[in-house]
Amino acid sequence: MANTISALKRIRIAERRTVVNRMRRSRLRITVRAMRRLLSAKDLAGAQAALPKTFSVVDKAAKTGVIKKNTAARYKSRMHARLKALEGTAA
């Protein structure tokens, strides 16, 4: 157990940050999962509408350190490529 005041404070801060990061990670996963389901269901209109919101959530997660920058870029690239492929088959 921590004995110093500063160590106790760091424990309190870490607990608060853990809760915030868990919420951010959950929001990211839910949004990405919803986008992937739209793409799998070949729902072009829904996927096009959800793309900006999904990209925003991914960017915010990368900015706050929940995921790394390259991971965010990979998520966005793959989703966008699948959307373009879906648009190609619909045309």
Protein backbone atom coordinates (compact mmCIF):
# COMPACT_ATOMS: atom_id res chain seq x y z
CA MET A 1 0.00 0.00 0.00
CA ALA A 2 1.19 3.49 -0.81
CA ASN A 3 2.38 5.52 2.14
CA THR A 4 3.02 9.00 0.76
CA ILE A 5 0.39 11.58 -0.04
CA SER A 6 1.59 11.88 -3.62
CA ALA A 7 1.41 8.11 -4.14
CA LEU A 8 -2.14 8.04 -2.79
CA LYS A 9 -3.06 10.88 -5.13
CA ARG A 10 -1.57 9.02 -8.12
CA ILE A 11 -3.72 5.99 -7.22
CA ARG A 12 -6.87 8.16 -7.18
CA ILE A 13 -5.93 9.75 -10.52
CA ALA A 14 -5.19 6.36 -12.09
CA GLU A 15 -8.60 5.06 -11.01
CA ARG A 16 -10.37 8.04 -12.59
CA ARG A 17 -8.36 7.75 -15.82
CA THR A 18 -9.13 4.01 -15.98
CA VAL A 19 -12.86 4.72 -15.93
CA VAL A 20 -12.55 7.39 -18.63
CA ASN A 21 -10.35 5.23 -20.85
CA ARG A 22 -12.71 2.28 -20.46
CA MET A 23 -15.62 4.46 -21.65
CA ARG A 24 -13.62 5.74 -24.62
CA ARG A 25 -12.48 2.25 -25.61
CA SER A 26 -16.05 0.96 -25.31
CA ARG A 27 -17.40 3.80 -27.46
CA LEU A 28 -14.75 3.05 -30.07
CA ARG A 29 -15.51 -0.67 -30.18
CA ILE A 30 -19.28 -0.15 -30.36
CA THR A 31 -18.99 2.36 -33.19
CA VAL A 32 -16.51 0.30 -35.22
CA ARG A 33 -18.60 -2.84 -34.70
CA ALA A 34 -21.74 -1.04 -35.91
CA MET A 35 -19.91 0.18 -39.01
CA ARG A 36 -18.58 -3.29 -39.77
CA ARG A 37 -22.08 -4.73 -39.43
CA LEU A 38 -23.43 -2.17 -41.90
CA LEU A 39 -20.68 -3.07 -44.35
CA SER A 40 -21.29 -6.80 -43.92
CA ALA A 41 -25.02 -6.32 -44.45
CA LYS A 42 -24.22 -4.36 -47.64
CA ASP A 43 -26.23 -1.38 -46.36
CA LEU A 44 -24.69 1.31 -48.57
CA ALA A 45 -26.81 4.24 -47.39
CA GLY A 46 -26.37 3.39 -43.72
CA ALA A 47 -22.63 2.89 -44.09
CA GLN A 48 -22.19 6.18 -45.91
CA ALA A 49 -24.13 7.97 -43.18
CA ALA A 50 -22.17 6.29 -40.37
CA LEU A 51 -18.71 6.76 -41.91
CA PRO A 52 -18.03 10.36 -40.70
CA LYS A 53 -19.20 9.58 -37.17
CA THR A 54 -17.10 6.42 -37.07
CA PHE A 55 -14.01 8.23 -38.35
CA SER A 56 -14.53 10.94 -35.74
CA VAL A 57 -14.69 8.41 -32.90
CA VAL A 58 -11.59 6.59 -34.21
CA ASP A 59 -9.66 9.88 -34.50
CA LYS A 60 -10.64 10.92 -30.98
CA ALA A 61 -9.55 7.55 -29.61
CA ALA A 62 -6.16 7.94 -31.31
CA LYS A 63 -5.81 11.52 -30.11
CA THR A 64 -6.46 10.60 -26.48
CA GLY A 65 -4.15 7.58 -26.59
CA VAL A 66 -6.75 4.82 -26.39
CA ILE A 67 -5.34 3.39 -29.63
CA LYS A 68 -2.20 4.23 -31.55
CA LYS A 69 -2.17 6.56 -34.54
CA ASN A 70 -1.32 3.82 -37.03
CA THR A 71 -4.05 1.57 -35.64
CA ALA A 72 -6.56 4.35 -36.23
CA ALA A 73 -5.27 4.83 -39.76
CA ARG A 74 -5.55 1.09 -40.42
CA TYR A 75 -9.15 0.97 -39.14
CA LYS A 76 -10.14 3.94 -41.27
CA SER A 77 -8.36 2.64 -44.36
CA ARG A 78 -9.98 -0.79 -44.19
CA MET A 79 -13.46 0.59 -43.55
CA HIS A 80 -13.12 3.08 -46.39
CA ALA A 81 -11.84 0.40 -48.77
CA ARG A 82 -14.79 -1.85 -47.92
CA LEU A 83 -17.20 1.04 -48.45
CA LYS A 84 -15.65 1.82 -51.85
CA ALA A 85 -15.92 -1.84 -52.84
CA LEU A 86 -19.57 -1.81 -51.77
CA GLU A 87 -20.18 1.33 -53.83
CA GLY A 88 -18.51 -0.35 -56.80
CA THR A 89 -20.80 -3.37 -56.63
CA ALA A 90 -23.89 -1.19 -56.21
CA ALA A 91 -23.11 0.89 -59.31
